[in-house]
Each structure stands twice: as structure tokens, then as C-alpha cells.
Amino acid sequence: MGIKVLLGEHCNLMRQGLRALLERQDGLEVVAEAANGREAVQAARELRPDVALICVTMPELNGIEATRQIKTHAPNTKVVAFSIRADGEMVTEILKAGASGYVLATCYVEELVRAIRAVMAGQTYLSPEVAGLVTEALLDGSGAGRGPDGHGLSPREREVLQLIAEGKNTKQIARQLSRSPKTVEMHRRHLMQKLNLYSISELTKYAIRKGLTSLDA
């Protein structure tokens, strides 16, 4: 049987290109696509693919939080994350969230296929360019156990931070997270207090800098 792959990438052109490349490989079948992190989690819950290829900077729910939720709802699905960024702290965090692999978006399709086959064999795969950075991040221990933001934000606070950075207002965030506006405002206050940032523009810049979202997500 072939390896069933879920492809999560917000850029339509890149997602279609990846799908075309992967489906040319023997034994790989793209069973679903997702344009944002929430769609990726939902598809993983419904289809239980063998592997989920997840872009780290997807809109609505970034790759780190999407990975954490995929592994909660579809624990047998292996996650391979990809990003343009070679960031040891980010890679360490997404591995802690449950990913089995991390490749750079600049890699060739041969390496991506190698990563898929490696995680299916129970191995962890890291692009050579980031493997050393992960070791440095672990040895340095900076922000260890505190999340990719380095300030101990909860998963829910990181979700709210990403949605704020993507221009959502309180009512929109409340509706998307199925929470009350009052609860969202509480999370916003906690975010500002923990980060010592007190404007939307500051929160947005911070979220982009930490890789929780991107300008084109």
C-alpha cells in the first residue's frame, strides 16, 4: 500500500506544485490538501493520513500548534514540518510538539521524499542545515520548556496572538475559537502582560519575528 500524505501549505501555487511533484513518486498518494492549520487538523482527524506535511507559518493556526493538535487527534500520523527558516529554537519546539521531521522549503523533492520515508520507518529526519542548530539550541537551553515565544505562553495564548497578528478582531477570534469575547480579551491582557507589549502593531511584529505567522500567511 502507498503512503497517504496530507499536504498543508497556505500558498496555492506552492501547494499544487508540491502535490504534482509528490504524486510522481512511487508509493506516495496525496489524499488531502489544507490551506491553513485548522483545515490541516480537521483533515488529519477525518482521514488519518500516514504523513502530514505541514508548513510552519500557516495562517489561522501555525504549524507548531497544528502539529500538536494533529498528534492529539491522529497520534499515528507522522508530521514532517517545512519552512524557509533555519531556526534551531523553532525546530526544537515543533519536534517537542510531535513532529518527526523538519526540512527546509528550499530542499529538492528527493530530500522531501527521503524525509517522508524516514519518518515512516520510525526515524527522525532533519535537513542537514538545521541539525546542528537543533543541537546548539538544546545545549544552550535558552527558553527551554517555555515555547517558541520564549515567554511561557500557553497554546491558547499563542493561537490568540497569531489571530491578532493576522488582523482578526475580538469577535472574530471568539467565533473562530468558540470562546466568548470576554475570554479572548482575558487572553489578550495576559499576552500583553507576559510580553510587555501593549499595542497590536507590537504584538504583530513579535509574532512574525518568532515565526508564529508571516506577512504573506
Protein backbone atom coordinates (compact mmCIF):
# COMPACT_ATOMS: atom_id res chain seq x y z
CA MET A 1 0.00 0.00 0.00
CA GLY A 2 1.15 3.55 -0.72
CA ILE A 3 1.97 6.24 1.84
CA LYS A 4 -1.04 8.55 2.28
CA VAL A 5 0.04 12.17 2.56
CA LEU A 6 -1.79 15.28 3.82
CA LEU A 7 -0.30 18.49 2.42
CA GLY A 8 -0.69 21.68 4.47
CA GLU A 9 0.56 24.86 2.77
CA HIS A 10 -1.15 28.26 2.50
CA CYS A 11 0.23 29.24 -0.91
CA ASN A 12 -1.99 27.68 -3.60
CA LEU A 13 0.74 27.69 -6.25
CA MET A 14 3.32 26.05 -3.99
CA ARG A 15 0.80 23.51 -2.68
CA GLN A 16 -0.23 22.50 -6.18
CA GLY A 17 3.41 22.24 -7.23
CA LEU A 18 4.27 20.08 -4.24
CA ARG A 19 1.33 17.83 -4.91
CA ALA A 20 2.36 17.33 -8.52
CA LEU A 21 5.94 16.52 -7.52
CA LEU A 22 4.95 14.10 -4.75
CA GLU A 23 2.44 12.23 -6.88
CA ARG A 24 5.18 11.47 -9.40
CA GLN A 25 6.97 9.46 -6.72
CA ASP A 26 6.38 5.73 -6.42
CA GLY A 27 4.28 4.79 -3.40
CA LEU A 28 3.10 8.28 -2.43
CA GLU A 29 -0.50 9.47 -2.61
CA VAL A 30 -1.68 12.96 -1.62
CA VAL A 31 -5.08 12.31 -0.06
CA ALA A 32 -5.90 15.87 1.05
CA GLU A 33 -4.74 19.47 0.92
CA ALA A 34 -5.12 22.18 3.55
CA ALA A 35 -4.67 25.93 3.12
CA ASN A 36 -4.40 26.70 6.85
CA GLY A 37 -3.60 24.96 10.10
CA ARG A 38 -7.19 24.38 11.15
CA GLU A 39 -8.00 22.70 7.86
CA ALA A 40 -4.93 20.50 8.30
CA VAL A 41 -6.03 19.40 11.78
CA GLN A 42 -9.56 18.66 10.57
CA ALA A 43 -8.30 16.66 7.58
CA ALA A 44 -5.95 14.67 9.81
CA ARG A 45 -8.82 13.86 12.19
CA GLU A 46 -11.07 12.68 9.38
CA LEU A 47 -8.62 10.88 7.09
CA ARG A 48 -5.83 9.70 9.43
CA PRO A 49 -3.09 10.03 6.78
CA ASP A 50 0.24 8.30 7.22
CA VAL A 51 2.18 11.56 6.95
CA ALA A 52 1.20 15.22 7.26
CA LEU A 53 3.49 17.72 5.53
CA ILE A 54 2.94 20.93 7.46
CA CYS A 55 4.20 24.43 6.67
CA VAL A 56 5.30 26.12 9.90
CA THR A 57 3.83 29.55 9.06
CA MET A 58 0.31 28.58 8.02
CA PRO A 59 -2.48 31.10 8.73
CA GLU A 60 -5.14 30.76 11.43
CA LEU A 61 -3.17 28.03 13.23
CA ASN A 62 0.58 27.86 12.74
CA GLY A 63 2.48 24.65 12.12
CA ILE A 64 3.60 24.18 15.72
CA GLU A 65 0.08 24.32 17.13
CA ALA A 66 -1.32 22.34 14.18
CA THR A 67 1.26 19.62 14.80
CA ARG A 68 0.35 19.46 18.49
CA GLN A 69 -3.34 19.07 17.65
CA ILE A 70 -2.74 16.56 14.86
CA LYS A 71 -0.74 14.36 17.21
CA THR A 72 -3.55 14.62 19.78
CA HIS A 73 -6.34 13.65 17.39
CA ALA A 74 -4.42 11.40 14.97
CA PRO A 75 -1.47 10.07 17.00
CA ASN A 76 -0.38 7.59 14.34
CA THR A 77 0.06 10.31 11.72
CA LYS A 78 3.71 11.29 11.30
CA VAL A 79 4.36 15.00 10.86
CA VAL A 80 7.10 16.45 8.67
CA ALA A 81 7.30 20.23 9.03
CA PHE A 82 8.84 22.54 6.48
CA SER A 83 9.83 26.19 6.49
CA ILE A 84 12.11 28.65 4.76
CA ARG A 85 13.66 29.38 8.17
CA ALA A 86 16.63 27.54 9.63
CA ASP A 87 15.91 28.28 13.29
CA GLY A 88 17.10 25.85 15.97
CA GLU A 89 14.61 27.05 18.59
CA MET A 90 11.68 26.72 16.19
CA VAL A 91 12.75 23.26 15.05
CA THR A 92 13.19 22.11 18.63
CA GLU A 93 9.72 23.35 19.53
CA ILE A 94 7.97 21.65 16.61
CA LEU A 95 9.76 18.39 17.44
CA LYS A 96 8.52 18.74 21.02
CA ALA A 97 5.00 19.28 19.61
CA GLY A 98 5.25 15.87 17.97
CA ALA A 99 6.84 16.31 14.54
CA SER A 100 9.14 13.56 13.33
CA GLY A 101 10.90 15.60 10.69
CA TYR A 102 11.84 19.11 9.57
CA VAL A 103 13.04 20.11 6.12
CA LEU A 104 13.84 23.47 4.60
CA ALA A 105 11.44 24.69 1.94
CA THR A 106 14.46 25.22 -0.32
CA CYS A 107 15.22 21.49 -0.43
CA TYR A 108 14.84 19.31 -3.52
CA VAL A 109 11.92 16.92 -3.80
CA GLU A 110 14.32 14.00 -3.36
CA GLU A 111 15.12 15.16 0.17
CA LEU A 112 11.44 15.65 0.99
CA VAL A 113 10.68 12.10 -0.15
CA ARG A 114 13.66 10.86 1.86
CA ALA A 115 12.22 12.59 4.94
CA ILE A 116 8.80 11.02 4.39
CA ARG A 117 10.25 7.53 4.05
CA ALA A 118 12.49 8.06 7.08
CA VAL A 119 9.66 9.04 9.42
CA MET A 120 7.55 6.17 8.13
CA ALA A 121 10.42 3.89 9.16
CA GLY A 122 10.26 5.29 12.69
CA GLN A 123 13.22 7.65 12.31
CA THR A 124 13.58 11.40 12.88
CA TYR A 125 14.69 13.39 9.85
CA LEU A 126 16.25 16.86 9.93
CA SER A 127 17.66 18.74 6.98
CA PRO A 128 21.46 18.82 7.38
CA GLU A 129 21.34 22.63 7.52
CA VAL A 130 19.23 22.60 10.70
CA ALA A 131 20.53 19.53 12.53
CA GLY A 132 23.46 21.43 14.05
CA LEU A 133 21.23 24.34 15.03
CA VAL A 134 18.96 22.00 17.00
CA THR A 135 21.96 20.64 18.90
CA GLU A 136 23.07 24.19 19.69
CA ALA A 137 19.56 25.14 20.88
CA LEU A 138 19.41 22.09 23.16
CA LEU A 139 22.89 22.67 24.57
CA ASP A 140 22.23 26.38 25.04
CA GLY A 141 18.92 25.67 26.79
CA SER A 142 17.67 29.18 26.12
CA GLY A 143 13.91 29.26 26.53
CA ALA A 144 13.81 25.55 27.29
CA GLY A 145 10.30 24.48 28.22
CA ARG A 146 8.97 27.95 27.52
CA GLY A 147 7.77 27.52 23.96
CA PRO A 148 8.84 29.17 20.71
CA ASP A 149 7.97 32.60 22.09
CA GLY A 150 10.41 32.23 24.99
CA HIS A 151 7.86 33.73 27.42
CA GLY A 152 5.90 30.69 28.51
CA LEU A 153 2.76 31.45 26.52
CA SER A 154 0.10 28.75 26.61
CA PRO A 155 -1.02 27.10 23.34
CA ARG A 156 -4.28 29.08 23.53
CA GLU A 157 -2.40 32.35 24.05
CA ARG A 158 -0.23 31.60 21.03
CA GLU A 159 -3.38 30.92 18.97
CA VAL A 160 -4.84 34.27 20.04
CA LEU A 161 -1.54 36.04 19.34
CA GLN A 162 -1.41 34.61 15.82
CA LEU A 163 -5.01 35.61 15.07
CA ILE A 164 -4.41 39.13 16.40
CA ALA A 165 -1.33 39.38 14.16
CA GLU A 166 -3.43 38.25 11.20
CA GLY A 167 -5.82 41.15 11.72
CA LYS A 168 -8.73 39.41 13.43
CA ASN A 169 -10.78 41.42 15.93
CA THR A 170 -12.07 40.15 19.28
CA LYS A 171 -15.44 38.95 17.95
CA GLN A 172 -13.82 37.13 15.02
CA ILE A 173 -11.30 35.41 17.28
CA ALA A 174 -14.03 34.44 19.73
CA ARG A 175 -16.11 32.93 16.95
CA GLN A 176 -13.16 31.05 15.45
CA LEU A 177 -12.04 29.60 18.79
CA SER A 178 -15.61 29.01 20.06
CA ARG A 179 -14.94 31.18 23.09
CA SER A 180 -16.61 34.27 24.50
CA PRO A 181 -15.26 37.74 23.62
CA LYS A 182 -14.59 38.22 27.34
CA THR A 183 -12.32 35.14 27.34
CA VAL A 184 -10.46 36.41 24.28
CA GLU A 185 -9.93 39.78 25.96
CA MET A 186 -8.53 37.97 29.00
CA HIS A 187 -6.04 36.13 26.80
CA ARG A 188 -5.09 39.41 25.11
CA ARG A 189 -4.38 41.02 28.50
CA HIS A 190 -2.26 38.06 29.58
CA LEU A 191 -0.34 38.23 26.31
CA MET A 192 0.44 41.89 26.73
CA GLN A 193 1.48 41.44 30.34
CA LYS A 194 3.75 38.45 29.63
CA LEU A 195 5.35 40.05 26.58
CA ASN A 196 5.37 43.61 27.90
CA LEU A 197 3.86 44.73 24.60
CA TYR A 198 0.81 46.97 24.61
CA SER A 199 -0.23 47.61 21.00
CA ILE A 200 -1.49 45.48 18.13
CA SER A 201 1.44 46.52 15.93
CA GLU A 202 3.94 45.41 18.59
CA LEU A 203 2.17 42.07 19.01
CA THR A 204 2.10 41.60 15.23
CA LYS A 205 5.81 42.32 14.83
CA TYR A 206 6.58 39.95 17.70
CA ALA A 207 4.50 37.11 16.21
CA ILE A 208 6.22 37.47 12.83
CA ARG A 209 9.68 37.65 14.42
CA LYS A 210 9.02 34.45 16.36
CA GLY A 211 7.70 32.61 13.32
CA LEU A 212 4.16 32.23 14.67
CA THR A 213 2.83 33.80 11.47
CA SER A 214 4.19 35.53 8.39
CA LEU A 215 3.42 38.62 6.36
CA ASP A 216 2.06 36.56 3.47
CA ALA A 217 0.16 33.94 5.57
